[in-house]
């Protein structure tokens, strides 16, 4: 196990960025597939789009090192 103190802040930011980016992309792909199967907008699709956008924004902020 890696000691948390041995990992630099920049590396932690990159890990957070990659993780959030992966979650955001997976959620967007899922929403795309669901939208093809069930056209139209629903509250669940809107919430999913907001969540995916949030993940991608957090990933961009973490990647730039602002957080």
PDB file of N, CA and C in Angstrom:
ATOM      1  N   UNK A   1       0.844  -1.179   0.000  1.00  0.00           N
ATOM      2  CA  UNK A   1       0.000   0.000   0.000  1.00  0.00           C
ATOM      3  C   UNK A   1       0.884   1.236   0.000  1.00  0.00           C
ATOM      4  N   UNK A   2       0.498   2.220  -0.760  1.00  0.00           N
ATOM      5  CA  UNK A   2       1.272   3.452  -0.876  1.00  0.00           C
ATOM      6  C   UNK A   2       0.865   4.403   0.237  1.00  0.00           C
ATOM      7  N   UNK A   3       1.867   4.918   0.927  1.00  0.00           N
ATOM      8  CA  UNK A   3       1.605   5.898   1.970  1.00  0.00           C
ATOM      9  C   UNK A   3       1.091   7.180   1.330  1.00  0.00           C
ATOM     10  N   UNK A   4       0.020   7.748   1.870  1.00  0.00           N
ATOM     11  CA  UNK A   4      -0.595   8.935   1.289  1.00  0.00           C
ATOM     12  C   UNK A   4       0.353  10.124   1.271  1.00  0.00           C
ATOM     13  N   UNK A   5       1.298  10.172   2.207  1.00  0.00           N
ATOM     14  CA  UNK A   5       2.232  11.300   2.273  1.00  0.00           C
ATOM     15  C   UNK A   5       3.305  11.233   1.196  1.00  0.00           C
ATOM     16  N   UNK A   6       3.456  10.084   0.556  1.00  0.00           N
ATOM     17  CA  UNK A   6       4.479   9.948  -0.473  1.00  0.00           C
ATOM     18  C   UNK A   6       3.985  10.390  -1.845  1.00  0.00           C
ATOM     19  N   UNK A   7       2.690  10.622  -1.976  1.00  0.00           N
ATOM     20  CA  UNK A   7       2.127  11.036  -3.260  1.00  0.00           C
ATOM     21  C   UNK A   7       2.020  12.560  -3.277  1.00  0.00           C
ATOM     22  N   UNK A   8       2.564  13.170  -4.316  1.00  0.00           N
ATOM     23  CA  UNK A   8       2.525  14.627  -4.398  1.00  0.00           C
ATOM     24  C   UNK A   8       1.116  15.110  -4.741  1.00  0.00           C
ATOM     25  N   UNK A   9       0.889  16.380  -4.486  1.00  0.00           N
ATOM     26  CA  UNK A   9      -0.418  16.977  -4.763  1.00  0.00           C
ATOM     27  C   UNK A   9      -0.741  16.942  -6.255  1.00  0.00           C
ATOM     28  N   UNK A  10       0.271  17.124  -7.088  1.00  0.00           N
ATOM     29  CA  UNK A  10       0.051  17.099  -8.537  1.00  0.00           C
ATOM     30  C   UNK A  10      -0.411  15.722  -9.000  1.00  0.00           C
ATOM     31  N   UNK A  11       0.187  14.683  -8.441  1.00  0.00           N
ATOM     32  CA  UNK A  11      -0.208  13.329  -8.827  1.00  0.00           C
ATOM     33  C   UNK A  11      -1.622  13.037  -8.345  1.00  0.00           C
ATOM     34  N   UNK A  12      -1.964  13.486  -7.136  1.00  0.00           N
ATOM     35  CA  UNK A  12      -3.334  13.303  -6.635  1.00  0.00           C
ATOM     36  C   UNK A  12      -4.331  14.009  -7.547  1.00  0.00           C
ATOM     37  N   UNK A  13      -3.976  15.197  -8.019  1.00  0.00           N
ATOM     38  CA  UNK A  13      -4.857  15.923  -8.936  1.00  0.00           C
ATOM     39  C   UNK A  13      -5.053  15.186 -10.241  1.00  0.00           C
ATOM     40  N   UNK A  14      -3.976  14.605 -10.769  1.00  0.00           N
ATOM     41  CA  UNK A  14      -4.088  13.842 -12.021  1.00  0.00           C
ATOM     42  C   UNK A  14      -4.953  12.601 -11.838  1.00  0.00           C
ATOM     43  N   UNK A  15      -4.806  11.938 -10.689  1.00  0.00           N
ATOM     44  CA  UNK A  15      -5.629  10.750 -10.424  1.00  0.00           C
ATOM     45  C   UNK A  15      -7.095  11.145 -10.325  1.00  0.00           C
ATOM     46  N   UNK A  16      -7.374  12.230  -9.602  1.00  0.00           N
ATOM     47  CA  UNK A  16      -8.750  12.708  -9.494  1.00  0.00           C
ATOM     48  C   UNK A  16      -9.298  13.085 -10.868  1.00  0.00           C
ATOM     49  N   UNK A  17      -8.492  13.762 -11.678  1.00  0.00           N
ATOM     50  CA  UNK A  17      -8.938  14.175 -13.007  1.00  0.00           C
ATOM     51  C   UNK A  17      -9.264  12.972 -13.883  1.00  0.00           C
ATOM     52  N   UNK A  18      -8.400  11.976 -13.858  1.00  0.00           N
ATOM     53  CA  UNK A  18      -8.642  10.792 -14.695  1.00  0.00           C
ATOM     54  C   UNK A  18      -9.863  10.010 -14.222  1.00  0.00           C
ATOM     55  N   UNK A  19     -10.024   9.899 -12.913  1.00  0.00           N
ATOM     56  CA  UNK A  19     -11.171   9.168 -12.384  1.00  0.00           C
ATOM     57  C   UNK A  19     -12.483   9.876 -12.720  1.00  0.00           C
ATOM     58  N   UNK A  20     -12.536  11.184 -12.461  1.00  0.00           N
ATOM     59  CA  UNK A  20     -13.757  11.943 -12.769  1.00  0.00           C
ATOM     60  C   UNK A  20     -14.024  11.965 -14.269  1.00  0.00           C
ATOM     61  N   UNK A  21     -12.979  12.093 -15.062  1.00  0.00           N
ATOM     62  CA  UNK A  21     -13.144  12.077 -16.512  1.00  0.00           C
ATOM     63  C   UNK A  21     -13.699  10.753 -17.002  1.00  0.00           C
ATOM     64  N   UNK A  22     -13.196   9.660 -16.432  1.00  0.00           N
ATOM     65  CA  UNK A  22     -13.691   8.335 -16.826  1.00  0.00           C
ATOM     66  C   UNK A  22     -15.158   8.169 -16.444  1.00  0.00           C
ATOM     67  N   UNK A  23     -15.520   8.587 -15.231  1.00  0.00           N
ATOM     68  CA  UNK A  23     -16.925   8.504 -14.817  1.00  0.00           C
ATOM     69  C   UNK A  23     -17.807   9.344 -15.737  1.00  0.00           C
ATOM     70  N   UNK A  24     -17.358  10.544 -16.065  1.00  0.00           N
ATOM     71  CA  UNK A  24     -18.142  11.422 -16.932  1.00  0.00           C
ATOM     72  C   UNK A  24     -18.354  10.832 -18.315  1.00  0.00           C
ATOM     73  N   UNK A  25     -17.299  10.262 -18.886  1.00  0.00           N
ATOM     74  CA  UNK A  25     -17.408   9.680 -20.232  1.00  0.00           C
ATOM     75  C   UNK A  25     -18.302   8.444 -20.221  1.00  0.00           C
ATOM     76  N   UNK A  26     -18.146   7.589 -19.219  1.00  0.00           N
ATOM     77  CA  UNK A  26     -18.992   6.396 -19.124  1.00  0.00           C
ATOM     78  C   UNK A  26     -20.461   6.805 -18.988  1.00  0.00           C
ATOM     79  N   UNK A  27     -20.721   7.816 -18.174  1.00  0.00           N
ATOM     80  CA  UNK A  27     -22.098   8.279 -17.996  1.00  0.00           C
ATOM     81  C   UNK A  27     -22.650   8.870 -19.289  1.00  0.00           C
ATOM     82  N   UNK A  28     -21.841   9.606 -20.039  1.00  0.00           N
ATOM     83  CA  UNK A  28     -22.308  10.156 -21.317  1.00  0.00           C
ATOM     84  C   UNK A  28     -22.614   9.054 -22.327  1.00  0.00           C
ATOM     85  N   UNK A  29     -21.783   8.026 -22.364  1.00  0.00           N
ATOM     86  CA  UNK A  29     -22.035   6.900 -23.274  1.00  0.00           C
ATOM     87  C   UNK A  29     -23.336   6.198 -22.884  1.00  0.00           C
ATOM     88  N   UNK A  30     -23.508   5.972 -21.591  1.00  0.00           N
ATOM     89  CA  UNK A  30     -24.746   5.350 -21.109  1.00  0.00           C
ATOM     90  C   UNK A  30     -25.961   6.196 -21.486  1.00  0.00           C
ATOM     91  N   UNK A  31     -25.874   7.501 -21.275  1.00  0.00           N
ATOM     92  CA  UNK A  31     -26.996   8.378 -21.629  1.00  0.00           C
ATOM     93  C   UNK A  31     -27.269   8.348 -23.125  1.00  0.00           C
ATOM     94  N   UNK A  32     -26.218   8.273 -23.913  1.00  0.00           N
ATOM     95  CA  UNK A  32     -26.397   8.176 -25.362  1.00  0.00           C
ATOM     96  C   UNK A  32     -27.139   6.909 -25.760  1.00  0.00           C
ATOM     97  N   UNK A  33     -26.758   5.795 -25.158  1.00  0.00           N
ATOM     98  CA  UNK A  33     -27.432   4.525 -25.462  1.00  0.00           C
ATOM     99  C   UNK A  33     -28.881   4.533 -24.993  1.00  0.00           C
ATOM    100  N   UNK A  34     -29.107   5.072 -23.803  1.00  0.00           N
ATOM    101  CA  UNK A  34     -30.478   5.145 -23.288  1.00  0.00           C
ATOM    102  C   UNK A  34     -31.321   6.072 -24.155  1.00  0.00           C
ATOM    103  N   UNK A  35     -30.733   7.171 -24.623  1.00  0.00           N
ATOM    104  CA  UNK A  35     -31.475   8.118 -25.456  1.00  0.00           C
ATOM    105  C   UNK A  35     -31.861   7.516 -26.793  1.00  0.00           C
ATOM    106  N   UNK A  36     -31.021   6.616 -27.315  1.00  0.00           N
ATOM    107  CA  UNK A  36     -31.384   5.951 -28.570  1.00  0.00           C
ATOM    108  C   UNK A  36     -32.531   4.975 -28.344  1.00  0.00           C
ATOM    109  N   UNK A  37     -32.535   4.312 -27.202  1.00  0.00           N
ATOM    110  CA  UNK A  37     -33.583   3.332 -26.916  1.00  0.00           C
ATOM    111  C   UNK A  37     -34.894   4.005 -26.522  1.00  0.00           C
ATOM    112  N   UNK A  38     -34.785   5.122 -25.783  1.00  0.00           N
ATOM    113  CA  UNK A  38     -35.979   5.811 -25.293  1.00  0.00           C
ATOM    114  C   UNK A  38     -35.848   7.301 -25.591  1.00  0.00           C
ATOM    115  N   UNK A  39     -36.315   7.740 -26.766  1.00  0.00           N
ATOM    116  CA  UNK A  39     -36.169   9.151 -27.125  1.00  0.00           C
ATOM    117  C   UNK A  39     -36.983  10.070 -26.216  1.00  0.00           C
ATOM    118  N   UNK A  40     -36.613  11.317 -26.210  1.00  0.00           N
ATOM    119  CA  UNK A  40     -37.306  12.303 -25.384  1.00  0.00           C
ATOM    120  C   UNK A  40     -36.544  12.563 -24.105  1.00  0.00           C
ATOM    121  N   UNK A  41     -36.926  13.639 -23.436  1.00  0.00           N
ATOM    122  CA  UNK A  41     -36.270  14.029 -22.190  1.00  0.00           C
ATOM    123  C   UNK A  41     -37.068  13.557 -20.996  1.00  0.00           C
ATOM    124  N   UNK A  42     -36.365  13.113 -19.989  1.00  0.00           N
ATOM    125  CA  UNK A  42     -36.988  12.722 -18.727  1.00  0.00           C
ATOM    126  C   UNK A  42     -36.149  13.330 -17.604  1.00  0.00           C
ATOM    127  N   UNK A  43     -36.707  13.429 -16.416  1.00  0.00           N
ATOM    128  CA  UNK A  43     -35.918  13.961 -15.298  1.00  0.00           C
ATOM    129  C   UNK A  43     -34.648  13.149 -15.037  1.00  0.00           C
ATOM    130  N   UNK A  44     -34.698  11.844 -15.246  1.00  0.00           N
ATOM    131  CA  UNK A  44     -33.516  11.011 -15.027  1.00  0.00           C
ATOM    132  C   UNK A  44     -32.414  11.344 -16.036  1.00  0.00           C
ATOM    133  N   UNK A  45     -32.792  11.596 -17.274  1.00  0.00           N
ATOM    134  CA  UNK A  45     -31.796  11.954 -18.289  1.00  0.00           C
ATOM    135  C   UNK A  45     -31.189  13.319 -18.000  1.00  0.00           C
ATOM    136  N   UNK A  46     -31.996  14.239 -17.559  1.00  0.00           N
ATOM    137  CA  UNK A  46     -31.483  15.577 -17.223  1.00  0.00           C
ATOM    138  C   UNK A  46     -30.525  15.484 -16.042  1.00  0.00           C
ATOM    139  N   UNK A  47     -30.892  14.712 -15.023  1.00  0.00           N
ATOM    140  CA  UNK A  47     -30.010  14.535 -13.867  1.00  0.00           C
ATOM    141  C   UNK A  47     -28.704  13.855 -14.278  1.00  0.00           C
ATOM    142  N   UNK A  48     -28.790  12.884 -15.160  1.00  0.00           N
ATOM    143  CA  UNK A  48     -27.586  12.215 -15.657  1.00  0.00           C
ATOM    144  C   UNK A  48     -26.691  13.154 -16.440  1.00  0.00           C
ATOM    145  N   UNK A  49     -27.291  14.019 -17.239  1.00  0.00           N
ATOM    146  CA  UNK A  49     -26.515  14.987 -18.006  1.00  0.00           C
ATOM    147  C   UNK A  49     -25.836  15.992 -17.083  1.00  0.00           C
ATOM    148  N   UNK A  50     -26.530  16.420 -16.050  1.00  0.00           N
ATOM    149  CA  UNK A  50     -25.940  17.335 -15.067  1.00  0.00           C
ATOM    150  C   UNK A  50     -24.788  16.647 -14.334  1.00  0.00           C
ATOM    151  N   UNK A  51     -24.984  15.388 -13.959  1.00  0.00           N
ATOM    152  CA  UNK A  51     -23.933  14.646 -13.260  1.00  0.00           C
ATOM    153  C   UNK A  51     -22.710  14.448 -14.155  1.00  0.00           C
ATOM    154  N   UNK A  52     -22.929  14.067 -15.413  1.00  0.00           N
ATOM    155  CA  UNK A  52     -21.813  13.869 -16.331  1.00  0.00           C
ATOM    156  C   UNK A  52     -21.064  15.173 -16.549  1.00  0.00           C
ATOM    157  N   UNK A  53     -21.795  16.261 -16.710  1.00  0.00           N
ATOM    158  CA  UNK A  53     -21.156  17.564 -16.887  1.00  0.00           C
ATOM    159  C   UNK A  53     -20.350  17.950 -15.651  1.00  0.00           C
ATOM    160  N   UNK A  54     -20.899  17.660 -14.488  1.00  0.00           N
ATOM    161  CA  UNK A  54     -20.193  17.975 -13.240  1.00  0.00           C
ATOM    162  C   UNK A  54     -18.896  17.182 -13.137  1.00  0.00           C
ATOM    163  N   UNK A  55     -18.949  15.895 -13.462  1.00  0.00           N
ATOM    164  CA  UNK A  55     -17.737  15.079 -13.432  1.00  0.00           C
ATOM    165  C   UNK A  55     -16.677  15.634 -14.381  1.00  0.00           C
ATOM    166  N   UNK A  56     -17.091  16.031 -15.575  1.00  0.00           N
ATOM    167  CA  UNK A  56     -16.136  16.534 -16.554  1.00  0.00           C
ATOM    168  C   UNK A  56     -15.570  17.896 -16.148  1.00  0.00           C
ATOM    169  N   UNK A  57     -16.376  18.728 -15.519  1.00  0.00           N
ATOM    170  CA  UNK A  57     -15.873  20.021 -15.026  1.00  0.00           C
ATOM    171  C   UNK A  57     -14.870  19.796 -13.897  1.00  0.00           C
ATOM    172  N   UNK A  58     -15.190  18.904 -12.974  1.00  0.00           N
ATOM    173  CA  UNK A  58     -14.254  18.597 -11.887  1.00  0.00           C
ATOM    174  C   UNK A  58     -12.959  18.033 -12.446  1.00  0.00           C
ATOM    175  N   UNK A  59     -13.056  17.171 -13.472  1.00  0.00           N
ATOM    176  CA  UNK A  59     -11.859  16.618 -14.096  1.00  0.00           C
ATOM    177  C   UNK A  59     -11.005  17.712 -14.717  1.00  0.00           C
ATOM    178  N   UNK A  60     -11.626  18.674 -15.386  1.00  0.00           N
ATOM    179  CA  UNK A  60     -10.876  19.763 -16.005  1.00  0.00           C
ATOM    180  C   UNK A  60     -10.200  20.629 -14.946  1.00  0.00           C
ATOM    181  N   UNK A  61     -10.903  20.900 -13.858  1.00  0.00           N
ATOM    182  CA  UNK A  61     -10.331  21.723 -12.784  1.00  0.00           C
ATOM    183  C   UNK A  61      -9.166  20.981 -12.133  1.00  0.00           C
ATOM    184  N   UNK A  62      -9.334  19.710 -11.853  1.00  0.00           N
ATOM    185  CA  UNK A  62      -8.261  18.937 -11.221  1.00  0.00           C
ATOM    186  C   UNK A  62      -7.069  18.797 -12.141  1.00  0.00           C
ATOM    187  N   UNK A  63      -7.307  18.636 -13.441  1.00  0.00           N
ATOM    188  CA  UNK A  63      -6.214  18.488 -14.391  1.00  0.00           C
ATOM    189  C   UNK A  63      -5.370  19.756 -14.466  1.00  0.00           C
ATOM    190  N   UNK A  64      -6.010  20.898 -14.382  1.00  0.00           N
ATOM    191  CA  UNK A  64      -5.278  22.164 -14.434  1.00  0.00           C
ATOM    192  C   UNK A  64      -4.592  22.496 -13.120  1.00  0.00           C
ATOM    193  N   UNK A  65      -4.959  21.773 -12.067  1.00  0.00           N
ATOM    194  CA  UNK A  65      -4.316  21.977 -10.782  1.00  0.00           C
ATOM    195  C   UNK A  65      -4.895  23.093  -9.966  1.00  0.00           C
ATOM    196  N   UNK A  66      -6.114  23.513 -10.284  1.00  0.00           N
ATOM    197  CA  UNK A  66      -6.746  24.598  -9.547  1.00  0.00           C
ATOM    198  C   UNK A  66      -7.225  24.108  -8.188  1.00  0.00           C
ATOM    199  N   UNK A  67      -7.707  22.875  -8.142  1.00  0.00           N
ATOM    200  CA  UNK A  67      -8.285  22.355  -6.888  1.00  0.00           C
ATOM    201  C   UNK A  67      -7.193  21.971  -5.903  1.00  0.00           C
TER     202      UNK A  67
END
